Amino acid sequence: MTCDGGFCRCPNGLVFAGTQCSQSCPIGYIANNRGVCTRGCQGNQIEVGGECLNHAVAGQPCRVQAQCVGGSSCLRGRCACAQGTIFNGSICVYGRGWLSGSPI
């Protein structure tokens, strides 16, 4: 293990798994951006770059597209329904007057 600027890291792409450097983290753990194994993400989260991010629905903040669920997309830091759809409280659905993306 090498230490630099107050942070210690395992050499050559290895990760720190509790008490020693290892090729990979144990099952149920992920390596954070410092190469330290931490508990994995929960069911309502995704792992992005060693960090757990919460799933989000339309109107909630997002950092990456994969966070947005229910047919929403990450747009300018918020999950949003596509044009012609509205959020019904859980998913994006075609709004009044729309069917299959075309006006009726």
Protein backbone atom coordinates (compact mmCIF):
# COMPACT_ATOMS: atom_id res chain seq x y z
CA MET A 1 0.00 0.00 0.00
CA THR A 2 1.25 3.47 -0.86
CA CYS A 3 0.20 6.70 0.83
CA ASP A 4 0.14 10.11 -0.84
CA GLY A 5 -1.37 13.37 0.40
CA GLY A 6 -3.00 11.72 3.41
CA PHE A 7 -4.67 8.98 1.34
CA CYS A 8 -3.43 5.42 1.14
CA ARG A 9 -4.05 3.29 -1.94
CA CYS A 10 -3.30 -0.20 -3.05
CA PRO A 11 -0.82 -0.41 -5.94
CA ASN A 12 -1.40 -1.60 -9.51
CA GLY A 13 -5.20 -1.33 -9.61
CA LEU A 14 -5.76 -3.47 -6.52
CA VAL A 15 -8.51 -2.54 -4.03
CA PHE A 16 -8.41 -2.34 -0.24
CA ALA A 17 -10.72 -5.05 1.12
CA GLY A 18 -10.88 -4.57 4.89
CA THR A 19 -7.36 -5.46 6.00
CA GLN A 20 -5.37 -6.00 2.82
CA CYS A 21 -5.05 -5.22 -0.87
CA SER A 22 -6.97 -7.58 -3.13
CA GLN A 23 -7.72 -8.16 -6.84
CA SER A 24 -11.44 -7.41 -6.27
CA CYS A 25 -13.98 -6.56 -3.60
CA PRO A 26 -15.90 -9.34 -1.84
CA ILE A 27 -19.42 -10.16 -3.06
CA GLY A 28 -21.86 -7.42 -2.03
CA TYR A 29 -19.16 -4.72 -1.99
CA ILE A 30 -18.00 -2.18 -4.57
CA ALA A 31 -14.79 -0.16 -4.84
CA ASN A 32 -15.26 3.57 -4.28
CA ASN A 33 -13.24 6.21 -6.17
CA ARG A 34 -10.37 5.76 -3.70
CA GLY A 35 -10.17 2.00 -4.33
CA VAL A 36 -11.66 1.04 -0.95
CA CYS A 37 -14.32 -1.68 -0.82
CA THR A 38 -17.62 -0.47 0.65
CA ARG A 39 -21.07 -2.07 0.94
CA GLY A 40 -22.81 -2.29 -2.43
CA CYS A 41 -25.82 -0.27 -3.51
CA GLN A 42 -29.34 -1.03 -2.33
CA GLY A 43 -32.20 -2.10 -4.60
CA ASN A 44 -33.39 1.47 -5.20
CA GLN A 45 -29.91 2.67 -6.20
CA ILE A 46 -27.43 2.33 -9.04
CA GLU A 47 -23.64 2.32 -8.86
CA VAL A 48 -21.85 5.01 -10.84
CA GLY A 49 -18.10 5.37 -10.51
CA GLY A 50 -18.01 3.66 -7.12
CA GLU A 51 -20.85 5.80 -5.74
CA CYS A 52 -24.46 4.75 -5.05
CA LEU A 53 -27.07 7.08 -6.56
CA ASN A 54 -30.80 6.84 -5.83
CA HIS A 55 -33.29 6.03 -8.58
CA ALA A 56 -35.44 9.07 -9.37
CA VAL A 57 -38.82 9.70 -10.97
CA ALA A 58 -39.97 12.69 -13.02
CA GLY A 59 -39.37 15.94 -11.14
CA GLN A 60 -36.60 14.58 -8.93
CA PRO A 61 -32.91 15.51 -9.26
CA CYS A 62 -30.58 13.29 -11.31
CA ARG A 63 -26.91 13.25 -12.24
CA VAL A 64 -26.98 10.45 -14.84
CA GLN A 65 -29.62 9.02 -17.19
CA ALA A 66 -29.62 5.60 -15.50
CA GLN A 67 -31.07 7.13 -12.31
CA CYS A 68 -34.33 8.09 -14.04
CA VAL A 69 -37.07 5.45 -13.93
CA GLY A 70 -40.68 5.21 -15.05
CA GLY A 71 -39.95 6.31 -18.60
CA SER A 72 -38.31 9.60 -17.58
CA SER A 73 -34.98 11.01 -18.81
CA CYS A 74 -32.32 13.08 -17.06
CA LEU A 75 -32.56 16.61 -18.48
CA ARG A 76 -30.63 19.52 -16.99
CA GLY A 77 -30.26 17.77 -13.63
CA ARG A 78 -33.89 16.60 -13.26
CA CYS A 79 -35.76 13.53 -14.44
CA ALA A 80 -38.45 14.58 -16.92
CA CYS A 81 -41.15 12.90 -18.98
CA ALA A 82 -40.79 13.07 -22.77
CA GLN A 83 -42.76 15.64 -24.73
CA GLY A 84 -46.38 14.51 -25.05
CA THR A 85 -46.27 12.50 -21.83
CA ILE A 86 -47.12 13.41 -18.24
CA PHE A 87 -46.16 11.99 -14.86
CA ASN A 88 -49.04 10.10 -13.24
CA GLY A 89 -47.38 9.78 -9.82
CA SER A 90 -45.25 6.76 -10.67
CA ILE A 91 -44.52 6.65 -14.44
CA CYS A 92 -44.71 8.80 -17.56
CA VAL A 93 -47.89 8.18 -19.59
CA TYR A 94 -49.32 9.75 -22.72
CA GLY A 95 -51.14 12.93 -21.72
CA ARG A 96 -54.69 13.93 -22.60
CA GLY A 97 -55.10 14.14 -26.35
CA TRP A 98 -52.06 11.97 -27.11
CA LEU A 99 -51.96 8.37 -28.23
CA SER A 100 -48.75 6.63 -29.27
CA GLY A 101 -46.98 9.98 -29.50
CA SER A 102 -49.40 11.52 -32.02
CA PRO A 103 -52.22 13.98 -31.38
CA ILE A 104 -55.72 12.50 -31.64
